[in-house]
C-alpha atoms as a PDB file:
ATOM      1  CA  UNK A   1     -76.199  61.732 -21.865  1.00  0.00           C
ATOM      2  CA  UNK A   2     -76.578  62.176 -18.190  1.00  0.00           C
ATOM      3  CA  UNK A   3     -74.033  63.474 -15.773  1.00  0.00           C
ATOM      4  CA  UNK A   4     -73.453  59.958 -14.476  1.00  0.00           C
ATOM      5  CA  UNK A   5     -72.800  58.662 -17.989  1.00  0.00           C
ATOM      6  CA  UNK A   6     -70.193  61.329 -18.647  1.00  0.00           C
ATOM      7  CA  UNK A   7     -68.492  60.606 -15.352  1.00  0.00           C
ATOM      8  CA  UNK A   8     -68.475  56.888 -16.042  1.00  0.00           C
ATOM      9  CA  UNK A   9     -67.025  57.401 -19.484  1.00  0.00           C
ATOM     10  CA  UNK A  10     -64.309  59.670 -18.101  1.00  0.00           C
ATOM     11  CA  UNK A  11     -63.471  57.096 -15.430  1.00  0.00           C
ATOM     12  CA  UNK A  12     -62.909  54.316 -17.921  1.00  0.00           C
ATOM     13  CA  UNK A  13     -60.847  56.592 -20.160  1.00  0.00           C
ATOM     14  CA  UNK A  14     -58.566  57.361 -17.247  1.00  0.00           C
ATOM     15  CA  UNK A  15     -58.427  53.686 -16.337  1.00  0.00           C
ATOM     16  CA  UNK A  16     -57.295  52.757 -19.854  1.00  0.00           C
ATOM     17  CA  UNK A  17     -54.609  55.433 -19.768  1.00  0.00           C
ATOM     18  CA  UNK A  18     -53.131  54.016 -16.577  1.00  0.00           C
ATOM     19  CA  UNK A  19     -52.978  50.392 -17.825  1.00  0.00           C
ATOM     20  CA  UNK A  20     -50.032  50.608 -20.257  1.00  0.00           C
ATOM     21  CA  UNK A  21     -47.459  51.541 -17.602  1.00  0.00           C
ATOM     22  CA  UNK A  22     -48.524  48.618 -15.392  1.00  0.00           C
ATOM     23  CA  UNK A  23     -48.478  46.201 -18.275  1.00  0.00           C
ATOM     24  CA  UNK A  24     -45.074  47.475 -19.344  1.00  0.00           C
ATOM     25  CA  UNK A  25     -43.749  47.038 -15.827  1.00  0.00           C
ATOM     26  CA  UNK A  26     -45.055  43.497 -15.635  1.00  0.00           C
ATOM     27  CA  UNK A  27     -43.542  42.606 -18.989  1.00  0.00           C
ATOM     28  CA  UNK A  28     -40.217  44.074 -17.935  1.00  0.00           C
ATOM     29  CA  UNK A  29     -40.189  42.068 -14.738  1.00  0.00           C
ATOM     30  CA  UNK A  30     -41.063  38.874 -16.586  1.00  0.00           C
ATOM     31  CA  UNK A  31     -38.256  39.503 -19.074  1.00  0.00           C
ATOM     32  CA  UNK A  32     -35.789  40.128 -16.257  1.00  0.00           C
ATOM     33  CA  UNK A  33     -36.686  36.921 -14.416  1.00  0.00           C
ATOM     34  CA  UNK A  34     -36.532  34.982 -17.665  1.00  0.00           C
ATOM     35  CA  UNK A  35     -33.075  36.368 -18.386  1.00  0.00           C
ATOM     36  CA  UNK A  36     -31.846  35.490 -14.887  1.00  0.00           C
ATOM     37  CA  UNK A  37     -33.235  31.960 -15.189  1.00  0.00           C
ATOM     38  CA  UNK A  38     -31.609  31.393 -18.573  1.00  0.00           C
ATOM     39  CA  UNK A  39     -28.289  32.735 -17.318  1.00  0.00           C
ATOM     40  CA  UNK A  40     -28.404  30.412 -14.293  1.00  0.00           C
ATOM     41  CA  UNK A  41     -29.083  27.394 -16.500  1.00  0.00           C
ATOM     42  CA  UNK A  42     -26.203  28.286 -18.796  1.00  0.00           C
ATOM     43  CA  UNK A  43     -23.816  28.634 -15.855  1.00  0.00           C
ATOM     44  CA  UNK A  44     -24.905  25.271 -14.416  1.00  0.00           C
ATOM     45  CA  UNK A  45     -24.430  23.522 -17.726  1.00  0.00           C
ATOM     46  CA  UNK A  46     -21.020  25.019 -18.385  1.00  0.00           C
ATOM     47  CA  UNK A  47     -19.551  24.389 -14.900  1.00  0.00           C
ATOM     48  CA  UNK A  48     -19.573  20.519 -14.930  1.00  0.00           C
ATOM     49  CA  UNK A  49     -18.145  20.477 -18.424  1.00  0.00           C
ATOM     50  CA  UNK A  50     -15.280  22.693 -17.352  1.00  0.00           C
ATOM     51  CA  UNK A  51     -14.578  20.522 -14.297  1.00  0.00           C
ATOM     52  CA  UNK A  52     -14.693  17.332 -16.344  1.00  0.00           C
ATOM     53  CA  UNK A  53     -12.326  18.796 -18.889  1.00  0.00           C
ATOM     54  CA  UNK A  54      -9.923  19.826 -16.140  1.00  0.00           C
ATOM     55  CA  UNK A  55     -10.059  16.365 -14.566  1.00  0.00           C
ATOM     56  CA  UNK A  56      -9.472  14.719 -17.932  1.00  0.00           C
ATOM     57  CA  UNK A  57      -6.526  17.020 -18.505  1.00  0.00           C
ATOM     58  CA  UNK A  58      -5.069  16.035 -15.138  1.00  0.00           C
ATOM     59  CA  UNK A  59      -5.531  12.348 -15.934  1.00  0.00           C
ATOM     60  CA  UNK A  60      -3.880  12.781 -19.305  1.00  0.00           C
ATOM     61  CA  UNK A  61      -0.960  14.593 -17.714  1.00  0.00           C
ATOM     62  CA  UNK A  62      -0.413  11.842 -15.129  1.00  0.00           C
ATOM     63  CA  UNK A  63      -0.777   9.006 -17.619  1.00  0.00           C
ATOM     64  CA  UNK A  64       1.416  10.560 -20.279  1.00  0.00           C
ATOM     65  CA  UNK A  65       4.058  11.822 -17.873  1.00  0.00           C
ATOM     66  CA  UNK A  66       7.234   9.720 -18.058  1.00  0.00           C
ATOM     67  CA  UNK A  67       7.497   9.890 -14.250  1.00  0.00           C
ATOM     68  CA  UNK A  68       4.086   8.258 -13.713  1.00  0.00           C
ATOM     69  CA  UNK A  69       5.331   4.696 -14.264  1.00  0.00           C
ATOM     70  CA  UNK A  70       7.595   3.492 -11.430  1.00  0.00           C
ATOM     71  CA  UNK A  71      10.920   2.045 -12.399  1.00  0.00           C
ATOM     72  CA  UNK A  72      11.145  -1.728 -12.147  1.00  0.00           C
ATOM     73  CA  UNK A  73      13.947  -2.808  -9.838  1.00  0.00           C
ATOM     74  CA  UNK A  74      15.529  -6.082 -10.925  1.00  0.00           C
ATOM     75  CA  UNK A  75      17.970  -7.989  -8.748  1.00  0.00           C
ATOM     76  CA  UNK A  76      21.168  -9.240 -10.385  1.00  0.00           C
ATOM     77  CA  UNK A  77      23.473 -12.105  -9.469  1.00  0.00           C
ATOM     78  CA  UNK A  78      25.731  -9.644  -7.678  1.00  0.00           C
ATOM     79  CA  UNK A  79      22.792  -8.496  -5.550  1.00  0.00           C
ATOM     80  CA  UNK A  80      22.032 -12.116  -4.681  1.00  0.00           C
ATOM     81  CA  UNK A  81      25.633 -12.730  -3.683  1.00  0.00           C
ATOM     82  CA  UNK A  82      25.863  -9.636  -1.485  1.00  0.00           C
ATOM     83  CA  UNK A  83      22.689 -10.683   0.321  1.00  0.00           C
ATOM     84  CA  UNK A  84      23.826 -14.278   0.863  1.00  0.00           C
ATOM     85  CA  UNK A  85      27.314 -13.176   2.000  1.00  0.00           C
ATOM     86  CA  UNK A  86      25.758 -11.001   4.694  1.00  0.00           C
ATOM     87  CA  UNK A  87      23.969 -13.923   6.345  1.00  0.00           C
ATOM     88  CA  UNK A  88      27.013 -16.175   6.102  1.00  0.00           C
ATOM     89  CA  UNK A  89      29.079 -13.564   7.943  1.00  0.00           C
ATOM     90  CA  UNK A  90      26.638 -13.061  10.820  1.00  0.00           C
ATOM     91  CA  UNK A  91      25.943 -16.744  11.524  1.00  0.00           C
ATOM     92  CA  UNK A  92      28.593 -17.038  14.245  1.00  0.00           C
ATOM     93  CA  UNK A  93      28.480 -13.469  15.478  1.00  0.00           C
ATOM     94  CA  UNK A  94      26.442 -11.495  17.992  1.00  0.00           C
ATOM     95  CA  UNK A  95      24.217 -10.378  15.089  1.00  0.00           C
ATOM     96  CA  UNK A  96      22.844 -13.888  14.809  1.00  0.00           C
ATOM     97  CA  UNK A  97      19.084 -13.456  15.136  1.00  0.00           C
ATOM     98  CA  UNK A  98      18.684 -16.898  16.662  1.00  0.00           C
ATOM     99  CA  UNK A  99      20.735 -15.876  19.710  1.00  0.00           C
ATOM    100  CA  UNK A 100      18.157 -13.215  20.525  1.00  0.00           C
ATOM    101  CA  UNK A 101      15.230 -15.450  19.624  1.00  0.00           C
ATOM    102  CA  UNK A 102      16.384 -18.227  21.955  1.00  0.00           C
ATOM    103  CA  UNK A 103      17.550 -16.000  24.774  1.00  0.00           C
ATOM    104  CA  UNK A 104      14.426 -16.716  26.839  1.00  0.00           C
ATOM    105  CA  UNK A 105      15.136 -20.446  26.655  1.00  0.00           C
ATOM    106  CA  UNK A 106      18.421 -20.059  28.551  1.00  0.00           C
ATOM    107  CA  UNK A 107      16.634 -20.628  31.842  1.00  0.00           C
ATOM    108  CA  UNK A 108      14.370 -23.425  30.619  1.00  0.00           C
ATOM    109  CA  UNK A 109      14.803 -26.777  32.340  1.00  0.00           C
ATOM    110  CA  UNK A 110      16.663 -28.964  31.673  1.00  0.00           C
ATOM    111  CA  UNK A 111      19.500 -26.536  31.181  1.00  0.00           C
ATOM    112  CA  UNK A 112      21.312 -26.067  28.851  1.00  0.00           C
ATOM    113  CA  UNK A 113      19.762 -28.665  26.510  1.00  0.00           C
ATOM    114  CA  UNK A 114      16.526 -26.699  25.987  1.00  0.00           C
ATOM    115  CA  UNK A 115      18.538 -23.671  24.903  1.00  0.00           C
ATOM    116  CA  UNK A 116      20.710 -25.830  22.654  1.00  0.00           C
ATOM    117  CA  UNK A 117      17.637 -27.367  21.025  1.00  0.00           C
ATOM    118  CA  UNK A 118      16.278 -23.902  20.335  1.00  0.00           C
ATOM    119  CA  UNK A 119      19.558 -22.658  18.815  1.00  0.00           C
ATOM    120  CA  UNK A 120      19.969 -25.759  16.666  1.00  0.00           C
ATOM    121  CA  UNK A 121      16.410 -25.652  15.337  1.00  0.00           C
ATOM    122  CA  UNK A 122      16.537 -21.920  14.619  1.00  0.00           C
ATOM    123  CA  UNK A 123      19.996 -21.932  12.996  1.00  0.00           C
ATOM    124  CA  UNK A 124      19.311 -24.908  10.748  1.00  0.00           C
ATOM    125  CA  UNK A 125      16.246 -23.186   9.273  1.00  0.00           C
ATOM    126  CA  UNK A 126      17.017 -19.464   9.529  1.00  0.00           C
ATOM    127  CA  UNK A 127      20.164 -19.378   7.423  1.00  0.00           C
ATOM    128  CA  UNK A 128      19.003 -21.900   4.827  1.00  0.00           C
ATOM    129  CA  UNK A 129      15.777 -19.924   4.327  1.00  0.00           C
ATOM    130  CA  UNK A 130      17.787 -16.692   4.133  1.00  0.00           C
ATOM    131  CA  UNK A 131      20.041 -18.218   1.478  1.00  0.00           C
ATOM    132  CA  UNK A 132      17.060 -19.284  -0.622  1.00  0.00           C
ATOM    133  CA  UNK A 133      15.350 -15.914  -0.177  1.00  0.00           C
ATOM    134  CA  UNK A 134      18.532 -14.023  -1.074  1.00  0.00           C
ATOM    135  CA  UNK A 135      18.457 -15.777  -4.439  1.00  0.00           C
ATOM    136  CA  UNK A 136      14.855 -14.841  -5.103  1.00  0.00           C
ATOM    137  CA  UNK A 137      13.373 -18.088  -3.804  1.00  0.00           C
ATOM    138  CA  UNK A 138       9.668 -18.360  -3.027  1.00  0.00           C
ATOM    139  CA  UNK A 139       7.906 -19.530   0.114  1.00  0.00           C
ATOM    140  CA  UNK A 140       6.994 -22.730  -1.755  1.00  0.00           C
ATOM    141  CA  UNK A 141      10.657 -23.548  -2.280  1.00  0.00           C
ATOM    142  CA  UNK A 142      11.424 -22.853   1.363  1.00  0.00           C
ATOM    143  CA  UNK A 143       8.554 -25.101   2.389  1.00  0.00           C
ATOM    144  CA  UNK A 144       9.954 -27.924   0.248  1.00  0.00           C
ATOM    145  CA  UNK A 145      13.623 -27.535   1.204  1.00  0.00           C
ATOM    146  CA  UNK A 146      13.454 -26.268   4.797  1.00  0.00           C
ATOM    147  CA  UNK A 147      10.110 -26.595   6.567  1.00  0.00           C
ATOM    148  CA  UNK A 148       9.529 -30.193   5.515  1.00  0.00           C
ATOM    149  CA  UNK A 149      12.828 -31.263   7.127  1.00  0.00           C
ATOM    150  CA  UNK A 150      12.210 -29.909  10.618  1.00  0.00           C
ATOM    151  CA  UNK A 151      11.796 -33.351  12.185  1.00  0.00           C
ATOM    152  CA  UNK A 152      14.931 -34.646  10.489  1.00  0.00           C
ATOM    153  CA  UNK A 153      16.938 -31.619  11.649  1.00  0.00           C
ATOM    154  CA  UNK A 154      15.728 -32.051  15.233  1.00  0.00           C
ATOM    155  CA  UNK A 155      16.056 -35.839  15.416  1.00  0.00           C
ATOM    156  CA  UNK A 156      19.408 -35.471  17.179  1.00  0.00           C
ATOM    157  CA  UNK A 157      17.518 -34.705  20.405  1.00  0.00           C
ATOM    158  CA  UNK A 158      15.523 -37.944  20.372  1.00  0.00           C
ATOM    159  CA  UNK A 159      18.119 -39.679  22.542  1.00  0.00           C
ATOM    160  CA  UNK A 160      17.990 -37.009  25.232  1.00  0.00           C
ATOM    161  CA  UNK A 161      15.498 -36.460  28.005  1.00  0.00           C
ATOM    162  CA  UNK A 162      12.891 -35.112  28.086  1.00  0.00           C
ATOM    163  CA  UNK A 163      12.666 -36.381  24.518  1.00  0.00           C
ATOM    164  CA  UNK A 164       9.223 -35.020  23.634  1.00  0.00           C
ATOM    165  CA  UNK A 165       9.856 -31.531  24.969  1.00  0.00           C
ATOM    166  CA  UNK A 166      13.291 -31.190  23.371  1.00  0.00           C
ATOM    167  CA  UNK A 167      12.181 -32.313  19.909  1.00  0.00           C
ATOM    168  CA  UNK A 168       9.031 -30.189  20.068  1.00  0.00           C
ATOM    169  CA  UNK A 169      11.011 -27.125  21.123  1.00  0.00           C
ATOM    170  CA  UNK A 170      13.577 -27.660  18.382  1.00  0.00           C
ATOM    171  CA  UNK A 171      10.869 -27.990  15.713  1.00  0.00           C
ATOM    172  CA  UNK A 172       9.046 -24.931  17.044  1.00  0.00           C
ATOM    173  CA  UNK A 173      12.083 -22.710  16.619  1.00  0.00           C
ATOM    174  CA  UNK A 174      12.943 -24.407  13.346  1.00  0.00           C
ATOM    175  CA  UNK A 175       9.628 -23.171  11.966  1.00  0.00           C
ATOM    176  CA  UNK A 176      10.065 -19.721  13.489  1.00  0.00           C
ATOM    177  CA  UNK A 177      13.619 -19.457  12.172  1.00  0.00           C
ATOM    178  CA  UNK A 178      12.485 -20.420   8.681  1.00  0.00           C
ATOM    179  CA  UNK A 179       9.943 -17.613   8.553  1.00  0.00           C
ATOM    180  CA  UNK A 180      12.290 -15.044  10.072  1.00  0.00           C
ATOM    181  CA  UNK A 181      15.146 -15.962   7.743  1.00  0.00           C
ATOM    182  CA  UNK A 182      12.965 -15.650   4.666  1.00  0.00           C
ATOM    183  CA  UNK A 183      11.589 -12.247   5.642  1.00  0.00           C
ATOM    184  CA  UNK A 184      14.949 -10.864   6.798  1.00  0.00           C
ATOM    185  CA  UNK A 185      16.685 -11.862   3.561  1.00  0.00           C
ATOM    186  CA  UNK A 186      13.858 -10.586   1.379  1.00  0.00           C
ATOM    187  CA  UNK A 187      13.960  -7.225   3.140  1.00  0.00           C
ATOM    188  CA  UNK A 188      17.757  -7.022   2.822  1.00  0.00           C
ATOM    189  CA  UNK A 189      17.705  -7.938  -0.868  1.00  0.00           C
ATOM    190  CA  UNK A 190      15.097  -5.282  -1.604  1.00  0.00           C
ATOM    191  CA  UNK A 191      17.184  -2.763   0.316  1.00  0.00           C
ATOM    192  CA  UNK A 192      20.350  -3.671  -1.600  1.00  0.00           C
ATOM    193  CA  UNK A 193      18.634  -3.367  -4.975  1.00  0.00           C
ATOM    194  CA  UNK A 194      16.908  -0.083  -4.082  1.00  0.00           C
ATOM    195  CA  UNK A 195      20.096   1.445  -2.699  1.00  0.00           C
ATOM    196  CA  UNK A 196      22.093   0.344  -5.728  1.00  0.00           C
ATOM    197  CA  UNK A 197      19.523   1.827  -8.122  1.00  0.00           C
ATOM    198  CA  UNK A 198      19.857   5.277  -6.508  1.00  0.00           C
ATOM    199  CA  UNK A 199      23.667   5.221  -6.543  1.00  0.00           C
ATOM    200  CA  UNK A 200      24.989   5.702 -10.129  1.00  0.00           C
ATOM    201  CA  UNK A 201      28.517   4.975  -9.002  1.00  0.00           C
ATOM    202  CA  UNK A 202      27.530   1.560  -7.596  1.00  0.00           C
ATOM    203  CA  UNK A 203      25.757   0.144 -10.641  1.00  0.00           C
ATOM    204  CA  UNK A 204      25.992  -3.647 -10.923  1.00  0.00           C
ATOM    205  CA  UNK A 205      24.979  -3.831 -14.545  1.00  0.00           C
END
């Protein structure tokens, strides 16, 4: 064996001795990265499940809670009467909505017939619609009993001049009064029922 052979053999022996630590280090790093990757996957999988379970729990709590369902408010005959009495009382008072509605017609020519036509048309529809609405009536009933009679209610102005303008004005405010009366009474009835339901001492049942 030559000197070069012995040196070569020694070199490869040393090379083999140094390999195990590097291989061990590589294996350790691979194991560490694998562990981190597995842990990340587990966390990702568990997080949505936990959130879904929490959301389902919240839904169950809201659906099973006795406070979730709102209380149905039902109007009684006494509620209807209180509502209707209110509009009967204000018809000839300053609280009459038609007085404010027709205020701009005070200066319309010919005076005062244009204003009178407005008041008549509004009053004849407003308080009848309010009465129907106070008793739980629908817009269909108001259309049948109030709106369809606007021409008949305003026919009293056919003999006055200007005939066309007076009748048209009366019918215009008849329609407006019908809508306003319905909405005002509906709002008041709801208010009466709601207020009564929150006042144990004022129960109508």
